[in-house]
N, C-alpha and C. Protein backbone atom coordinates (compact mmCIF):
# COMPACT_ATOMS: atom_id res chain seq x y z
N MET A 1 1.80 0.96 -4.53
CA MET A 1 1.06 1.43 -3.38
C MET A 1 1.88 1.11 -2.16
N ILE A 2 2.03 2.06 -1.34
CA ILE A 2 2.80 1.92 -0.12
C ILE A 2 1.87 1.54 1.02
N GLY A 3 2.28 0.55 1.80
CA GLY A 3 1.47 0.16 2.95
C GLY A 3 1.61 1.15 4.09
N PHE A 4 0.62 1.19 4.94
CA PHE A 4 0.65 2.10 6.08
C PHE A 4 1.69 1.62 7.08
N GLN A 5 2.64 2.47 7.38
CA GLN A 5 3.68 2.18 8.36
C GLN A 5 3.73 3.37 9.32
N PRO A 6 3.19 3.22 10.54
CA PRO A 6 3.19 4.35 11.46
C PRO A 6 4.59 4.78 11.85
N ILE A 7 4.71 6.04 12.16
CA ILE A 7 5.99 6.60 12.60
C ILE A 7 6.06 6.49 14.11
N VAL A 8 7.14 5.89 14.59
CA VAL A 8 7.39 5.77 16.02
C VAL A 8 8.81 6.27 16.25
N PRO A 9 8.97 7.52 16.72
CA PRO A 9 10.30 8.12 16.79
C PRO A 9 11.18 7.62 17.92
N GLN A 10 10.60 6.92 18.89
CA GLN A 10 11.40 6.43 20.01
C GLN A 10 10.99 5.00 20.33
N THR A 11 11.79 4.33 21.13
CA THR A 11 11.49 2.95 21.49
C THR A 11 10.88 2.90 22.88
N GLY A 12 10.47 1.71 23.26
CA GLY A 12 9.98 1.49 24.61
C GLY A 12 8.65 2.17 24.90
N TYR A 13 8.46 2.49 26.16
CA TYR A 13 7.21 3.06 26.62
C TYR A 13 6.90 4.41 25.98
N VAL A 14 7.92 5.24 25.81
CA VAL A 14 7.73 6.56 25.20
C VAL A 14 7.23 6.40 23.76
N GLY A 15 7.82 5.48 23.02
CA GLY A 15 7.38 5.22 21.66
C GLY A 15 5.96 4.68 21.62
N TRP A 16 5.63 3.79 22.55
CA TRP A 16 4.28 3.23 22.63
C TRP A 16 3.25 4.32 22.90
N ARG A 17 3.54 5.21 23.84
CA ARG A 17 2.61 6.30 24.16
C ARG A 17 2.43 7.23 22.95
N PHE A 18 3.53 7.52 22.25
CA PHE A 18 3.44 8.35 21.05
C PHE A 18 2.53 7.67 20.02
N LEU A 19 2.73 6.39 19.82
CA LEU A 19 1.92 5.64 18.85
C LEU A 19 0.45 5.64 19.25
N GLU A 20 0.17 5.46 20.53
CA GLU A 20 -1.22 5.50 20.99
C GLU A 20 -1.89 6.84 20.67
N ARG A 21 -1.14 7.92 20.83
CA ARG A 21 -1.69 9.26 20.61
C ARG A 21 -1.85 9.61 19.14
N THR A 22 -1.01 9.06 18.28
CA THR A 22 -0.96 9.55 16.90
C THR A 22 -1.37 8.55 15.82
N THR A 23 -1.66 7.32 16.16
CA THR A 23 -1.95 6.32 15.13
C THR A 23 -3.09 6.75 14.22
N GLU A 24 -4.19 7.19 14.78
CA GLU A 24 -5.34 7.56 13.95
C GLU A 24 -5.02 8.75 13.05
N THR A 25 -4.34 9.74 13.57
CA THR A 25 -3.94 10.91 12.77
C THR A 25 -3.02 10.49 11.64
N GLN A 26 -2.07 9.61 11.94
CA GLN A 26 -1.15 9.13 10.92
C GLN A 26 -1.89 8.33 9.85
N ARG A 27 -2.85 7.50 10.26
CA ARG A 27 -3.60 6.69 9.31
C ARG A 27 -4.43 7.58 8.37
N VAL A 28 -5.07 8.60 8.92
CA VAL A 28 -5.88 9.52 8.10
C VAL A 28 -4.99 10.24 7.08
N ALA A 29 -3.82 10.69 7.52
CA ALA A 29 -2.90 11.36 6.60
C ALA A 29 -2.46 10.41 5.49
N PHE A 30 -2.19 9.16 5.83
CA PHE A 30 -1.81 8.16 4.84
C PHE A 30 -2.93 7.94 3.82
N GLU A 31 -4.16 7.80 4.31
CA GLU A 31 -5.30 7.52 3.44
C GLU A 31 -5.62 8.68 2.50
N LYS A 32 -5.18 9.88 2.84
CA LYS A 32 -5.42 11.05 2.00
C LYS A 32 -4.22 11.40 1.14
N SER A 33 -3.18 10.58 1.17
CA SER A 33 -1.97 10.90 0.42
C SER A 33 -2.25 10.86 -1.08
N PRO A 34 -1.74 11.83 -1.82
CA PRO A 34 -1.99 11.90 -3.26
C PRO A 34 -1.56 10.64 -4.01
N GLU A 35 -0.44 10.05 -3.63
CA GLU A 35 0.04 8.84 -4.31
C GLU A 35 -0.97 7.70 -4.15
N LEU A 36 -1.46 7.51 -2.95
CA LEU A 36 -2.43 6.45 -2.69
C LEU A 36 -3.72 6.70 -3.47
N LEU A 37 -4.21 7.92 -3.44
CA LEU A 37 -5.44 8.25 -4.14
C LEU A 37 -5.31 8.05 -5.65
N ARG A 38 -4.16 8.42 -6.22
CA ARG A 38 -3.92 8.22 -7.66
C ARG A 38 -3.89 6.73 -7.99
N ASP A 39 -3.19 5.95 -7.16
CA ASP A 39 -3.11 4.52 -7.41
C ASP A 39 -4.47 3.85 -7.30
N LEU A 40 -5.27 4.24 -6.34
CA LEU A 40 -6.60 3.65 -6.19
C LEU A 40 -7.50 4.00 -7.38
N GLU A 41 -7.41 5.23 -7.84
CA GLU A 41 -8.20 5.64 -9.01
C GLU A 41 -7.77 4.85 -10.25
N TYR A 42 -6.47 4.72 -10.43
CA TYR A 42 -5.95 3.94 -11.57
C TYR A 42 -6.45 2.50 -11.49
N PHE A 43 -6.40 1.93 -10.31
CA PHE A 43 -6.84 0.56 -10.11
C PHE A 43 -8.32 0.41 -10.48
N LYS A 44 -9.15 1.30 -9.97
CA LYS A 44 -10.59 1.24 -10.26
C LYS A 44 -10.86 1.32 -11.76
N GLU A 45 -10.11 2.17 -12.45
CA GLU A 45 -10.33 2.38 -13.88
C GLU A 45 -9.80 1.24 -14.75
N ASN A 46 -8.81 0.49 -14.25
CA ASN A 46 -8.12 -0.46 -15.11
C ASN A 46 -8.20 -1.93 -14.71
N ILE A 47 -8.65 -2.24 -13.52
CA ILE A 47 -8.64 -3.64 -13.09
C ILE A 47 -9.55 -4.50 -13.96
N SER A 48 -10.65 -3.95 -14.45
CA SER A 48 -11.56 -4.75 -15.28
C SER A 48 -10.93 -5.10 -16.63
N LYS A 49 -9.90 -4.40 -17.03
CA LYS A 49 -9.22 -4.70 -18.29
C LYS A 49 -8.26 -5.88 -18.15
N ALA A 50 -7.89 -6.21 -16.93
CA ALA A 50 -7.00 -7.34 -16.68
C ALA A 50 -7.85 -8.59 -16.55
N THR A 51 -7.99 -9.31 -17.64
CA THR A 51 -8.87 -10.47 -17.66
C THR A 51 -8.13 -11.78 -17.36
N THR A 52 -6.80 -11.72 -17.31
CA THR A 52 -6.00 -12.90 -16.98
C THR A 52 -4.95 -12.51 -15.94
N ALA A 53 -4.39 -13.51 -15.30
CA ALA A 53 -3.31 -13.26 -14.35
C ALA A 53 -2.12 -12.60 -15.05
N GLU A 54 -1.88 -13.01 -16.29
CA GLU A 54 -0.79 -12.42 -17.07
C GLU A 54 -1.01 -10.93 -17.30
N ASP A 55 -2.25 -10.53 -17.57
CA ASP A 55 -2.57 -9.12 -17.74
C ASP A 55 -2.23 -8.34 -16.47
N LEU A 56 -2.58 -8.90 -15.33
CA LEU A 56 -2.32 -8.24 -14.06
C LEU A 56 -0.82 -8.12 -13.81
N VAL A 57 -0.10 -9.19 -14.04
CA VAL A 57 1.35 -9.20 -13.80
C VAL A 57 2.07 -8.24 -14.74
N ASN A 58 1.57 -8.10 -15.95
CA ASN A 58 2.22 -7.22 -16.93
C ASN A 58 1.95 -5.74 -16.68
N ASP A 59 0.99 -5.41 -15.86
CA ASP A 59 0.74 -4.01 -15.51
C ASP A 59 1.26 -3.79 -14.09
N ARG A 60 2.49 -3.30 -14.00
CA ARG A 60 3.15 -3.16 -12.69
C ARG A 60 2.36 -2.31 -11.71
N ARG A 61 1.70 -1.30 -12.20
CA ARG A 61 0.94 -0.42 -11.31
C ARG A 61 -0.26 -1.15 -10.71
N LEU A 62 -0.99 -1.88 -11.54
CA LEU A 62 -2.10 -2.68 -11.02
C LEU A 62 -1.59 -3.73 -10.05
N LEU A 63 -0.51 -4.38 -10.41
CA LEU A 63 0.06 -5.42 -9.56
C LEU A 63 0.50 -4.85 -8.22
N ARG A 64 1.11 -3.67 -8.24
CA ARG A 64 1.56 -3.03 -7.00
C ARG A 64 0.38 -2.78 -6.07
N VAL A 65 -0.73 -2.30 -6.60
CA VAL A 65 -1.91 -2.04 -5.78
C VAL A 65 -2.49 -3.35 -5.25
N ALA A 66 -2.59 -4.34 -6.13
CA ALA A 66 -3.16 -5.62 -5.71
C ALA A 66 -2.31 -6.28 -4.63
N LEU A 67 -1.01 -6.30 -4.80
CA LEU A 67 -0.14 -6.89 -3.79
C LEU A 67 -0.18 -6.08 -2.50
N GLY A 68 -0.21 -4.75 -2.63
CA GLY A 68 -0.26 -3.89 -1.45
C GLY A 68 -1.51 -4.10 -0.62
N ALA A 69 -2.60 -4.45 -1.26
CA ALA A 69 -3.85 -4.70 -0.54
C ALA A 69 -3.73 -5.87 0.42
N PHE A 70 -2.79 -6.76 0.15
CA PHE A 70 -2.59 -7.93 1.00
C PHE A 70 -1.27 -7.87 1.77
N GLY A 71 -0.65 -6.68 1.79
CA GLY A 71 0.61 -6.52 2.52
C GLY A 71 1.79 -7.20 1.84
N LEU A 72 1.69 -7.43 0.55
CA LEU A 72 2.74 -8.14 -0.18
C LEU A 72 3.52 -7.23 -1.13
N GLU A 73 3.50 -5.93 -0.89
CA GLU A 73 4.16 -5.00 -1.80
C GLU A 73 5.65 -5.27 -1.95
N ASP A 74 6.28 -5.89 -0.96
CA ASP A 74 7.70 -6.22 -1.06
C ASP A 74 7.96 -7.33 -2.08
N ASP A 75 6.92 -8.06 -2.47
CA ASP A 75 7.07 -9.14 -3.45
C ASP A 75 6.97 -8.66 -4.89
N LEU A 76 6.80 -7.38 -5.10
CA LEU A 76 6.61 -6.84 -6.45
C LEU A 76 7.77 -7.21 -7.38
N GLY A 77 8.97 -7.17 -6.90
CA GLY A 77 10.13 -7.47 -7.74
C GLY A 77 10.44 -8.95 -7.85
N LYS A 78 9.74 -9.78 -7.15
CA LYS A 78 9.99 -11.22 -7.17
C LYS A 78 9.16 -11.86 -8.27
N ARG A 79 9.71 -11.95 -9.45
CA ARG A 79 8.97 -12.44 -10.62
C ARG A 79 8.53 -13.89 -10.47
N ALA A 80 9.22 -14.69 -9.69
CA ALA A 80 8.85 -16.09 -9.54
C ALA A 80 7.52 -16.23 -8.80
N THR A 81 7.20 -15.28 -7.92
CA THR A 81 5.96 -15.36 -7.18
C THR A 81 4.85 -14.57 -7.83
N CYS A 82 5.16 -13.77 -8.83
CA CYS A 82 4.14 -12.94 -9.48
C CYS A 82 3.89 -13.39 -10.88
């Protein structure tokens, strides 16, 4: 699962104004993205099957969604922390 990262094409005040105008539109587009919707559906259908931490860690897709929910998606490849 990919975390929401707004697009800001310029820096400084111009970038800030762009972000103010488009943040909500960008967030709605992100929330409707097919990849996100598929991952959320998969999570809903399969999280109850993960009865141990090992089960969760062994299912990379479930783990990706779980870590992404807390902004930790970059830790997916770090096996020592997962």
